[in-house]
Protein backbone atom coordinates (compact mmCIF):
# COMPACT_ATOMS: atom_id res chain seq x y z
CA MET A 1 -58.93 46.54 -1.80
CA LYS A 2 -58.54 44.40 1.48
CA LYS A 3 -58.64 41.25 -1.38
CA LEU A 4 -55.83 42.70 -2.93
CA PHE A 5 -54.05 43.44 0.06
CA PHE A 6 -54.70 39.37 0.94
CA ILE A 7 -53.82 37.74 -1.52
CA PRO A 8 -50.14 39.23 -1.64
CA VAL A 9 -49.83 38.35 1.73
CA LEU A 10 -50.77 34.93 1.70
CA ALA A 11 -48.58 34.01 -1.48
CA ALA A 12 -45.50 35.46 0.75
CA VAL A 13 -46.72 33.18 3.68
CA VAL A 14 -47.08 29.94 1.84
CA SER A 15 -43.64 30.82 -0.12
CA LEU A 16 -42.10 31.28 3.51
CA ALA A 17 -43.44 28.22 4.66
CA ALA A 18 -42.57 26.01 2.00
CA CYS A 19 -38.83 27.60 2.04
CA GLY A 20 -38.44 26.85 5.54
CA GLY A 21 -39.63 23.51 5.46
CA ASN A 22 -37.13 22.64 2.59
CA ASN A 23 -34.38 23.93 4.90
CA THR A 24 -35.45 21.34 7.58
CA LYS A 25 -35.30 18.33 5.67
CA THR A 26 -32.14 19.31 4.04
CA GLU A 27 -30.36 20.11 7.12
CA GLY A 28 -31.82 16.64 8.33
CA SER A 29 -30.21 15.04 5.27
CA THR A 30 -26.71 16.54 5.39
CA GLU A 31 -26.42 15.78 9.45
CA ASN A 32 -27.72 12.63 8.00
CA LYS A 33 -24.62 12.11 5.37
CA THR A 34 -22.35 13.64 7.73
CA GLU A 35 -22.99 11.14 10.52
CA GLU A 36 -22.38 8.23 7.95
CA THR A 37 -19.36 9.68 6.62
CA ALA A 38 -17.57 9.94 10.00
CA SER A 39 -18.08 6.24 10.88
CA GLU A 40 -16.42 5.25 7.64
CA PRO A 41 -12.79 5.24 7.28
CA THR A 42 -11.45 7.50 4.57
CA VAL A 43 -10.36 5.36 1.31
CA GLU A 44 -9.64 6.93 -2.33
CA THR A 45 -11.72 5.04 -4.49
CA VAL A 46 -10.83 4.23 -7.49
CA PRO A 47 -13.20 4.00 -10.28
CA GLY A 48 -13.24 0.12 -12.03
CA ILE A 49 -10.98 -1.56 -9.79
CA GLU A 50 -13.36 -3.98 -8.60
CA ASN A 51 -13.25 -5.47 -12.65
CA VAL A 52 -9.25 -5.94 -12.02
CA THR A 53 -7.86 -9.16 -11.17
CA ILE A 54 -5.87 -9.41 -7.90
CA SER A 55 -2.23 -10.34 -8.86
CA ASN A 56 1.38 -9.64 -7.55
CA THR A 57 2.95 -9.99 -10.86
CA TRP A 58 2.69 -7.21 -13.66
CA THR A 59 4.00 -6.45 -16.93
CA VAL A 60 3.28 -2.66 -17.72
CA GLU A 61 3.84 -1.77 -21.34
CA GLY A 62 5.24 1.65 -22.86
CA ASN A 63 4.54 2.81 -26.21
CA ASP A 64 5.24 5.88 -28.88
CA GLN A 65 2.10 7.12 -28.22
CA MET A 66 3.21 8.06 -24.56
CA LYS A 67 0.55 5.60 -23.46
CA PHE A 68 0.92 2.27 -20.41
CA ASN A 69 -1.03 -0.28 -21.54
CA THR A 70 -2.82 -0.94 -18.14
CA GLU A 71 -3.49 1.85 -16.27
CA LEU A 72 -4.92 0.18 -13.13
CA ILE A 73 -3.27 -2.36 -11.02
CA ARG A 74 -4.47 -4.22 -8.00
CA VAL A 75 -2.02 -6.23 -5.40
CA LYS A 76 -2.23 -7.89 -2.50
CA ALA A 77 -0.83 -5.32 0.26
CA GLY A 78 1.79 -6.55 2.65
CA GLU A 79 3.40 -9.21 -0.48
CA PRO A 80 6.31 -8.80 -3.02
CA LEU A 81 4.95 -6.92 -6.40
CA GLU A 82 7.10 -7.81 -9.16
CA LEU A 83 6.41 -5.14 -11.60
CA THR A 84 8.17 -5.11 -15.04
CA LEU A 85 8.44 -2.24 -17.66
CA LYS A 86 8.67 -2.76 -21.21
CA ASN A 87 9.35 -0.07 -23.78
CA VAL A 88 7.50 -1.38 -27.01
CA GLY A 89 8.12 1.50 -29.01
CA LYS A 90 10.78 2.24 -31.48
CA MET A 91 11.65 5.86 -31.14
CA PRO A 92 15.07 6.34 -30.01
CA LYS A 93 15.57 6.66 -26.26
CA GLU A 94 16.95 10.09 -26.38
CA SER A 95 13.37 11.33 -27.74
CA MET A 96 10.94 8.87 -26.39
CA GLY A 97 12.20 7.06 -23.39
CA HIS A 98 10.24 5.32 -20.63
CA ASN A 99 10.45 4.77 -16.83
CA LEU A 100 7.88 3.99 -14.28
CA ILE A 101 8.07 5.60 -11.02
CA ILE A 102 5.40 4.67 -7.96
CA LEU A 103 4.94 7.76 -6.25
CA LYS A 104 3.99 7.96 -2.46
CA SER A 105 0.45 9.11 -1.60
CA GLY A 106 -0.39 12.60 -1.52
CA VAL A 107 2.62 13.95 -4.24
CA ASP A 108 1.77 16.80 -6.39
CA LEU A 109 2.08 15.41 -9.85
CA PRO A 110 2.87 18.85 -11.84
CA THR A 111 5.59 19.71 -8.97
CA PHE A 112 6.92 16.40 -9.21
CA GLY A 113 6.84 16.26 -12.98
CA GLY A 114 8.63 19.85 -13.56
CA GLU A 115 11.34 18.80 -10.96
CA ALA A 116 12.05 15.29 -13.27
CA ALA A 117 11.76 17.06 -16.50
CA ALA A 118 15.19 19.09 -15.37
CA ALA A 119 16.65 15.74 -13.93
CA ALA A 120 18.06 14.46 -17.48
CA ASP A 121 21.60 13.72 -15.60
CA ASN A 122 19.86 11.11 -13.48
CA GLU A 123 17.46 9.73 -15.86
CA TYR A 124 14.60 12.22 -15.06
CA ILE A 125 14.63 10.85 -11.01
CA PRO A 126 14.93 14.17 -9.55
CA LYS A 127 17.11 13.71 -6.69
CA SER A 128 15.13 16.54 -4.76
CA ALA A 129 12.23 14.31 -4.92
CA LEU A 130 13.50 10.80 -4.22
CA SER A 131 11.34 11.14 -0.99
CA SER A 132 8.15 11.19 -3.33
CA ILE A 133 9.13 7.60 -4.80
CA VAL A 134 8.72 4.10 -3.68
CA ALA A 135 10.07 2.39 -6.41
CA HIS A 136 11.42 3.17 -10.15
CA THR A 137 12.70 1.46 -13.11
CA LYS A 138 15.98 2.86 -15.11
CA LEU A 139 14.89 4.57 -18.12
CA LEU A 140 14.05 2.21 -21.37
CA GLY A 141 14.79 2.67 -25.17
CA PRO A 142 12.94 0.80 -27.62
CA GLY A 143 12.77 -3.41 -27.03
CA GLU A 144 14.02 -2.42 -23.18
CA GLU A 145 12.56 -3.50 -19.98
CA ASP A 146 13.48 -3.39 -16.25
CA LYS A 147 11.99 -5.34 -13.34
CA ILE A 148 11.03 -3.77 -9.75
CA SER A 149 10.56 -5.53 -6.74
CA VAL A 150 8.48 -3.84 -4.36
CA THR A 151 6.11 -4.48 -1.04
CA LEU A 152 3.58 -2.11 -0.30
CA GLU A 153 1.43 -1.18 1.83
CA LYS A 154 -2.69 -0.95 2.13
CA GLY A 155 -3.45 1.96 -0.03
CA VAL A 156 -3.68 3.65 -3.63
CA TYR A 157 -0.10 4.90 -5.28
CA THR A 158 -0.36 6.52 -8.70
CA TYR A 159 2.65 5.22 -10.97
CA ILE A 160 4.15 7.78 -13.68
CA CYS A 161 6.47 7.94 -16.79
CA SER A 162 8.86 10.63 -15.55
CA PHE A 163 10.52 11.74 -19.10
CA PRO A 164 9.92 15.35 -20.18
CA GLY A 165 6.02 15.57 -21.22
CA HIS A 166 4.92 11.89 -20.40
CA TYR A 167 3.48 11.87 -16.89
CA ALA A 168 0.20 13.82 -18.15
CA LEU A 169 -0.73 10.98 -20.00
CA MET A 170 1.49 8.28 -18.83
CA GLN A 171 -0.06 7.23 -15.97
CA GLY A 172 -1.71 4.86 -13.45
CA LYS A 173 -3.30 3.53 -9.87
CA ILE A 174 -1.86 0.77 -7.69
CA VAL A 175 -4.63 -0.22 -5.27
CA ALA A 176 -2.78 -2.61 -2.33
CA GLU A 177 -5.75 -3.97 -0.38
């Protein structure tokens, strides 16, 4: 009878000892990660940006499939960026117009997109959200192009087409470093 009592008690002690050992290691690992993170500045990482050439002159094309041909742009911060948007599609401006809006960091895209969709009278540039916009092109029809020039501070900026329903597919990132 003593042997039957001893085996479950031994199993419980070994189990608790094993759990306790793992907690100590996990806590130590978490603390080390927290210390490392605290000493590094918080910078948004954009996957694939290391493969993009730094240039302050870019041309982005929008097409009838609601796609930009360029989704990652890398620029030198503090220097003028010359950005050209070309609408290479064939569909009419009223059904497939494109623009390019550079947004400030932290802008909520669904909210901005909803406001933009209601701003047909202003080429889908919502007057209520002008403080969220760094720069924008005009709304373009097929074969049209527009150029903007802007100087960006160091950071990551999202750019979109604000034509109704387009922003979900037509967006990219500009990394100013």
